[in-house]
N, C-alpha and C. Protein backbone atom coordinates (compact mmCIF):
# COMPACT_ATOMS: atom_id res chain seq x y z
N UNK A 1 -0.67 -22.84 -10.18
CA UNK A 1 -1.38 -21.59 -9.86
C UNK A 1 -1.94 -20.61 -11.25
N UNK A 2 -2.96 -20.39 -11.01
CA UNK A 2 -3.42 -19.62 -12.46
C UNK A 2 -2.74 -18.40 -13.02
N UNK A 3 -3.16 -18.25 -14.10
CA UNK A 3 -2.13 -16.71 -14.61
C UNK A 3 -2.77 -15.50 -13.49
N UNK A 4 -4.01 -15.79 -13.58
CA UNK A 4 -4.88 -14.40 -12.72
C UNK A 4 -4.33 -14.22 -11.33
N UNK A 5 -3.93 -15.87 -10.70
CA UNK A 5 -4.04 -15.80 -9.23
C UNK A 5 -2.21 -15.19 -9.32
N UNK A 6 -1.29 -15.32 -9.97
CA UNK A 6 0.22 -14.88 -10.35
C UNK A 6 -0.41 -13.15 -10.11
N UNK A 7 -1.22 -12.96 -11.40
CA UNK A 7 -1.28 -11.29 -11.53
C UNK A 7 -1.52 -10.90 -10.16
N UNK A 8 -2.65 -11.52 -9.68
CA UNK A 8 -3.20 -10.97 -8.43
C UNK A 8 -2.37 -10.99 -7.01
N UNK A 9 -1.32 -11.83 -7.00
CA UNK A 9 -0.08 -11.95 -6.14
C UNK A 9 0.91 -10.97 -6.50
N UNK A 10 1.07 -10.80 -7.46
CA UNK A 10 2.22 -9.90 -8.09
C UNK A 10 1.61 -8.67 -7.37
N UNK A 11 0.18 -8.06 -7.93
CA UNK A 11 -0.44 -7.06 -7.49
C UNK A 11 -0.30 -6.58 -6.06
N UNK A 12 -0.57 -7.49 -5.26
CA UNK A 12 -0.30 -7.31 -3.69
C UNK A 12 0.73 -7.05 -3.40
N UNK A 13 1.77 -7.90 -3.88
CA UNK A 13 3.35 -7.50 -3.17
C UNK A 13 3.51 -6.54 -3.89
N UNK A 14 3.52 -5.56 -5.11
CA UNK A 14 3.71 -4.35 -5.48
C UNK A 14 3.35 -3.31 -4.72
N UNK A 15 1.67 -3.19 -4.57
CA UNK A 15 1.02 -2.71 -3.43
C UNK A 15 1.86 -2.53 -2.12
N UNK A 16 2.00 -3.71 -1.36
CA UNK A 16 2.21 -4.03 -0.30
C UNK A 16 3.35 -3.22 0.16
N UNK A 17 4.46 -3.63 -0.59
CA UNK A 17 6.05 -2.89 -0.91
C UNK A 17 5.79 -1.34 -0.93
N UNK A 18 5.13 -0.60 -2.05
CA UNK A 18 5.37 0.98 -1.61
C UNK A 18 4.32 1.37 -0.79
N UNK A 19 3.16 0.37 -0.20
CA UNK A 19 2.23 0.75 1.08
C UNK A 19 3.44 0.77 2.37
N UNK A 20 4.21 -0.31 2.37
CA UNK A 20 4.93 0.06 3.77
C UNK A 20 5.94 0.87 3.47
N UNK A 21 6.86 1.07 2.38
CA UNK A 21 7.50 2.51 2.32
C UNK A 21 6.69 3.71 2.74
N UNK A 22 5.18 3.80 1.96
CA UNK A 22 4.84 5.24 2.22
C UNK A 22 4.24 5.55 3.77
N UNK A 23 4.20 4.22 4.61
CA UNK A 23 4.09 4.29 6.01
C UNK A 23 5.06 4.85 7.05
N UNK A 24 6.38 4.22 6.22
CA UNK A 24 7.23 4.80 6.98
C UNK A 24 7.65 6.20 6.91
N UNK A 25 7.41 6.65 5.47
CA UNK A 25 7.84 8.06 5.29
C UNK A 25 6.74 8.65 5.59
N UNK A 26 5.13 8.48 6.05
CA UNK A 26 4.40 9.13 6.54
C UNK A 26 4.64 9.17 8.27
N UNK A 27 5.56 8.08 8.74
CA UNK A 27 5.64 8.26 10.28
C UNK A 27 7.05 9.27 10.51
N UNK A 28 7.72 9.17 9.76
CA UNK A 28 8.75 9.94 9.59
C UNK A 28 8.43 11.60 9.32
N UNK A 29 7.16 11.95 8.75
CA UNK A 29 7.07 13.19 8.43
C UNK A 29 6.32 13.86 9.80
N UNK A 30 5.76 13.05 10.44
CA UNK A 30 4.86 13.36 11.53
C UNK A 30 5.79 14.00 12.52
N UNK A 31 7.04 13.38 12.63
CA UNK A 31 8.36 14.06 13.50
C UNK A 31 8.91 15.39 13.00
N UNK A 32 8.82 15.50 11.89
CA UNK A 32 9.06 16.87 11.76
C UNK A 32 8.41 18.23 12.29
N UNK A 33 9.15 19.36 12.10
CA UNK A 33 8.28 20.55 12.61
C UNK A 33 7.01 20.91 12.06
N UNK A 34 7.08 20.77 10.75
CA UNK A 34 5.70 21.38 9.92
C UNK A 34 5.46 20.11 8.97
N UNK A 35 4.66 18.90 9.56
CA UNK A 35 4.66 17.67 8.62
C UNK A 35 3.48 18.20 7.63
N UNK A 36 3.66 17.30 6.50
CA UNK A 36 2.54 17.68 5.41
C UNK A 36 1.46 16.56 5.49
N UNK A 37 0.32 16.70 4.70
CA UNK A 37 -0.65 15.99 4.64
C UNK A 37 -0.52 14.84 3.48
N UNK A 38 0.40 15.30 2.61
CA UNK A 38 -0.07 14.29 1.49
C UNK A 38 0.87 12.79 1.79
N UNK A 39 1.87 12.74 2.40
CA UNK A 39 2.53 11.27 2.58
C UNK A 39 1.57 10.43 3.39
N UNK A 40 0.78 11.20 4.42
CA UNK A 40 -0.47 10.39 5.34
C UNK A 40 -1.29 9.93 4.02
N UNK A 41 -2.01 10.62 3.34
CA UNK A 41 -2.87 10.13 2.04
C UNK A 41 -2.32 8.90 1.10
N UNK A 42 -1.31 9.79 0.82
CA UNK A 42 -0.99 8.21 -0.07
C UNK A 42 -0.74 7.00 0.74
N UNK A 43 -0.11 6.86 1.84
CA UNK A 43 0.11 5.81 2.98
C UNK A 43 -1.58 5.41 2.95
N UNK A 44 -2.41 6.12 3.32
CA UNK A 44 -3.65 5.38 3.21
C UNK A 44 -4.33 4.82 1.99
N UNK A 45 -4.23 5.58 0.87
CA UNK A 45 -4.63 5.02 -0.24
C UNK A 45 -4.09 3.57 -0.59
N UNK A 46 -2.45 3.47 -0.54
CA UNK A 46 -1.71 2.34 -0.66
C UNK A 46 -2.15 1.52 -0.06
N UNK A 47 -2.36 1.37 1.25
CA UNK A 47 -2.84 0.49 2.20
C UNK A 47 -4.14 -0.14 1.86
N UNK A 48 -5.06 0.93 1.62
CA UNK A 48 -6.33 0.56 1.23
C UNK A 48 -6.19 -0.27 0.08
N UNK A 49 -5.85 0.14 -1.01
CA UNK A 49 -5.39 -0.61 -2.43
C UNK A 49 -5.15 -2.21 -1.92
N UNK A 50 -4.09 -2.27 -1.17
CA UNK A 50 -3.26 -3.35 -0.93
C UNK A 50 -4.62 -4.37 -0.17
N UNK A 51 -5.12 -3.90 0.45
CA UNK A 51 -6.04 -4.93 1.26
C UNK A 51 -7.42 -4.91 0.27
N UNK A 52 -7.54 -4.25 -0.31
CA UNK A 52 -8.85 -4.63 -1.68
C UNK A 52 -8.06 -5.72 -2.36
N UNK A 53 -6.89 -5.52 -2.89
CA UNK A 53 -6.47 -6.49 -3.31
C UNK A 53 -6.18 -7.64 -3.09
N UNK A 54 -5.70 -7.43 -1.96
CA UNK A 54 -5.73 -9.07 -1.14
C UNK A 54 -7.04 -9.87 -0.87
N UNK A 55 -7.70 -8.89 -0.62
CA UNK A 55 -9.18 -9.60 0.06
C UNK A 55 -9.83 -10.18 -1.68
N UNK A 56 -9.55 -9.72 -2.62
CA UNK A 56 -10.23 -9.94 -4.11
C UNK A 56 -10.44 -11.10 -4.02
N UNK A 57 -12.04 -11.57 -4.54
CA UNK A 57 -12.12 -13.19 -4.72
C UNK A 57 -11.29 -13.95 -5.49
N UNK A 58 -10.75 -15.06 -4.83
CA UNK A 58 -10.34 -15.65 -5.94
C UNK A 58 -10.59 -17.05 -6.49
N UNK A 59 -10.62 -16.93 -7.48
CA UNK A 59 -11.80 -18.22 -8.16
C UNK A 59 -10.79 -19.40 -8.75
């Protein structure tokens, strides 16, 4: 593996881990009597960033 591929894989892993945690937090937040919007927005941003990093061209 090249250095660029390792960096990209590390980024995908980092983003994926925190995206999974934020999706769980957003799901828990929905169950509360007065849910807030920021956990869902954070989850959306992290999931989109993960997908973009995963789909980044590998040369």
